[in-house]
Structure formats: C-alpha cells, structure tokens
Amino acid sequence: MAKKRRSETIIEMHEVLMIRRTAGRSLSWCAECAAEVGMLTPEEAAAIAGVSARSIYRRIEAGQLHFVETPDGRLLLCFRSLVR
C-alpha cells in the first residue's frame, strides 16, 4: 500500500505604500485635532486604509474623518483621524 504525502505552501505578501510630497504641503492644521497633522487626498486615504474612495467619502459624511477644503476646492483629510 502506497503512502500519500501532503505538502503545504504558505505565502505571505506585504505591501508598502509611499506617499511623496513637496516641501511645505504635507502638514496642515486640523481644527478637530487642534494640531498640525499630515493631510491626504481621498484617493491616498483610500489606498492607505485599503478601501474604496467611496468608502472614504461615506466616512467623511458620517463625521468619522476630519477634513479641510482648500481655497481651490480640493478636499484634504487628516491622517490622524484616518488611523484612529
């Protein structure tokens, strides 16, 4: 009678996301945190959180994320509120 052999392979994958900014643009004042914090676009926040941009907008509407709107109409999110 032949013996059966079983082998198992486990693969771990890690992803690193780097966001590069120009000097002076990476920190802004968050009134909710009362501190200078890193600010992200909704797309960057979605990539960091591993969710869709729509999910980020839902969290903004629910008051779960701090944000500011720039004079030119761009939306920037507080990094601290994202990682809490």
C-alpha atoms as a PDB file:
ATOM      1  CA  MET A   1       0.000   0.000   0.000  1.00  0.00           C
ATOM      2  CA  ALA A   2       1.489   3.377  -1.048  1.00  0.00           C
ATOM      3  CA  LYS A   3       1.650   6.224   1.463  1.00  0.00           C
ATOM      4  CA  LYS A   4       0.274   9.598   0.432  1.00  0.00           C
ATOM      5  CA  ARG A   5       2.350  12.687   1.055  1.00  0.00           C
ATOM      6  CA  ARG A   6       0.843  16.062   1.684  1.00  0.00           C
ATOM      7  CA  SER A   7       2.747  19.305   1.441  1.00  0.00           C
ATOM      8  CA  GLU A   8       1.535  22.786   2.249  1.00  0.00           C
ATOM      9  CA  THR A   9       2.943  26.087   1.000  1.00  0.00           C
ATOM     10  CA  ILE A  10       2.220  29.340   2.795  1.00  0.00           C
ATOM     11  CA  ILE A  11       2.918  32.628   1.046  1.00  0.00           C
ATOM     12  CA  GLU A  12       2.907  35.955   2.881  1.00  0.00           C
ATOM     13  CA  MET A  13       2.713  39.189   0.944  1.00  0.00           C
ATOM     14  CA  HIS A  14       3.308  42.665   2.304  1.00  0.00           C
ATOM     15  CA  GLU A  15       2.521  45.917   0.574  1.00  0.00           C
ATOM     16  CA  VAL A  16       4.275  49.195   1.246  1.00  0.00           C
ATOM     17  CA  LEU A  17       2.714  52.452   0.112  1.00  0.00           C
ATOM     18  CA  MET A  18       4.937  55.516  -0.077  1.00  0.00           C
ATOM     19  CA  ILE A  19       3.461  58.958  -0.478  1.00  0.00           C
ATOM     20  CA  ARG A  20       5.895  61.646  -1.509  1.00  0.00           C
ATOM     21  CA  ARG A  21       5.072  65.271  -1.055  1.00  0.00           C
ATOM     22  CA  THR A  22       6.700  68.531  -1.930  1.00  0.00           C
ATOM     23  CA  ALA A  23       8.076  70.567   0.963  1.00  0.00           C
ATOM     24  CA  GLY A  24       5.501  72.602   2.886  1.00  0.00           C
ATOM     25  CA  ARG A  25       2.489  70.715   1.590  1.00  0.00           C
ATOM     26  CA  SER A  26       2.476  67.660   3.826  1.00  0.00           C
ATOM     27  CA  LEU A  27       1.369  69.294   7.097  1.00  0.00           C
ATOM     28  CA  SER A  28      -1.743  71.380   7.691  1.00  0.00           C
ATOM     29  CA  TRP A  29      -3.778  72.474  10.679  1.00  0.00           C
ATOM     30  CA  CYS A  30      -6.630  70.167  11.723  1.00  0.00           C
ATOM     31  CA  ALA A  31      -9.132  72.075  13.858  1.00  0.00           C
ATOM     32  CA  GLU A  32     -10.652  68.824  15.188  1.00  0.00           C
ATOM     33  CA  CYS A  33      -7.270  67.517  16.424  1.00  0.00           C
ATOM     34  CA  ALA A  34      -6.083  71.031  17.329  1.00  0.00           C
ATOM     35  CA  ALA A  35      -2.712  70.138  15.835  1.00  0.00           C
ATOM     36  CA  GLU A  36      -0.639  70.256  12.709  1.00  0.00           C
ATOM     37  CA  VAL A  37      -1.093  66.895  11.004  1.00  0.00           C
ATOM     38  CA  GLY A  38      -0.392  65.134   7.736  1.00  0.00           C
ATOM     39  CA  MET A  39      -3.124  65.687   5.191  1.00  0.00           C
ATOM     40  CA  LEU A  40      -4.103  63.275   2.411  1.00  0.00           C
ATOM     41  CA  THR A  41      -6.295  63.318  -0.650  1.00  0.00           C
ATOM     42  CA  PRO A  42      -9.304  60.966  -0.514  1.00  0.00           C
ATOM     43  CA  GLU A  43      -7.569  58.659  -3.006  1.00  0.00           C
ATOM     44  CA  GLU A  44      -4.410  58.465  -0.873  1.00  0.00           C
ATOM     45  CA  ALA A  45      -6.504  57.817   2.236  1.00  0.00           C
ATOM     46  CA  ALA A  46      -8.378  55.022   0.437  1.00  0.00           C
ATOM     47  CA  ALA A  47      -5.097  53.374  -0.599  1.00  0.00           C
ATOM     48  CA  ILE A  48      -3.720  53.553   2.945  1.00  0.00           C
ATOM     49  CA  ALA A  49      -6.930  52.231   4.512  1.00  0.00           C
ATOM     50  CA  GLY A  50      -7.349  49.543   1.850  1.00  0.00           C
ATOM     51  CA  VAL A  51     -10.868  50.647   0.966  1.00  0.00           C
ATOM     52  CA  SER A  52     -12.551  52.405  -1.944  1.00  0.00           C
ATOM     53  CA  ALA A  53     -12.610  56.184  -2.319  1.00  0.00           C
ATOM     54  CA  ARG A  54     -16.407  55.997  -1.977  1.00  0.00           C
ATOM     55  CA  SER A  55     -15.956  54.380   1.444  1.00  0.00           C
ATOM     56  CA  ILE A  56     -13.737  57.310   2.451  1.00  0.00           C
ATOM     57  CA  TYR A  57     -16.417  59.791   1.325  1.00  0.00           C
ATOM     58  CA  ARG A  58     -19.031  57.882   3.363  1.00  0.00           C
ATOM     59  CA  ARG A  59     -16.799  58.150   6.443  1.00  0.00           C
ATOM     60  CA  ILE A  60     -16.445  61.901   5.836  1.00  0.00           C
ATOM     61  CA  GLU A  61     -20.237  62.293   5.571  1.00  0.00           C
ATOM     62  CA  ALA A  62     -20.666  60.284   8.791  1.00  0.00           C
ATOM     63  CA  GLY A  63     -18.275  62.625  10.611  1.00  0.00           C
ATOM     64  CA  GLN A  64     -15.685  59.890  11.188  1.00  0.00           C
ATOM     65  CA  LEU A  65     -12.853  61.678   9.346  1.00  0.00           C
ATOM     66  CA  HIS A  66     -11.542  65.210   9.810  1.00  0.00           C
ATOM     67  CA  PHE A  67     -11.097  67.255   6.647  1.00  0.00           C
ATOM     68  CA  VAL A  68     -10.437  70.690   5.240  1.00  0.00           C
ATOM     69  CA  GLU A  69     -11.295  72.197   1.904  1.00  0.00           C
ATOM     70  CA  THR A  70      -8.603  74.281   0.271  1.00  0.00           C
ATOM     71  CA  PRO A  71      -9.416  77.651  -1.343  1.00  0.00           C
ATOM     72  CA  ASP A  72      -9.157  75.967  -4.745  1.00  0.00           C
ATOM     73  CA  GLY A  73     -11.808  73.397  -3.734  1.00  0.00           C
ATOM     74  CA  ARG A  74      -9.597  70.369  -3.010  1.00  0.00           C
ATOM     75  CA  LEU A  75     -10.507  68.079  -0.136  1.00  0.00           C
ATOM     76  CA  LEU A  76      -7.738  67.047   2.269  1.00  0.00           C
ATOM     77  CA  LEU A  77      -8.163  64.513   5.065  1.00  0.00           C
ATOM     78  CA  CYS A  78      -6.489  64.384   8.450  1.00  0.00           C
ATOM     79  CA  PHE A  79      -4.121  61.405   8.693  1.00  0.00           C
ATOM     80  CA  ARG A  80      -4.683  61.101  12.466  1.00  0.00           C
ATOM     81  CA  SER A  81      -8.430  60.657  12.071  1.00  0.00           C
ATOM     82  CA  LEU A  82      -7.828  58.024   9.387  1.00  0.00           C
ATOM     83  CA  VAL A  83      -5.618  55.816  11.561  1.00  0.00           C
ATOM     84  CA  ARG A  84      -7.778  56.068  14.710  1.00  0.00           C
END
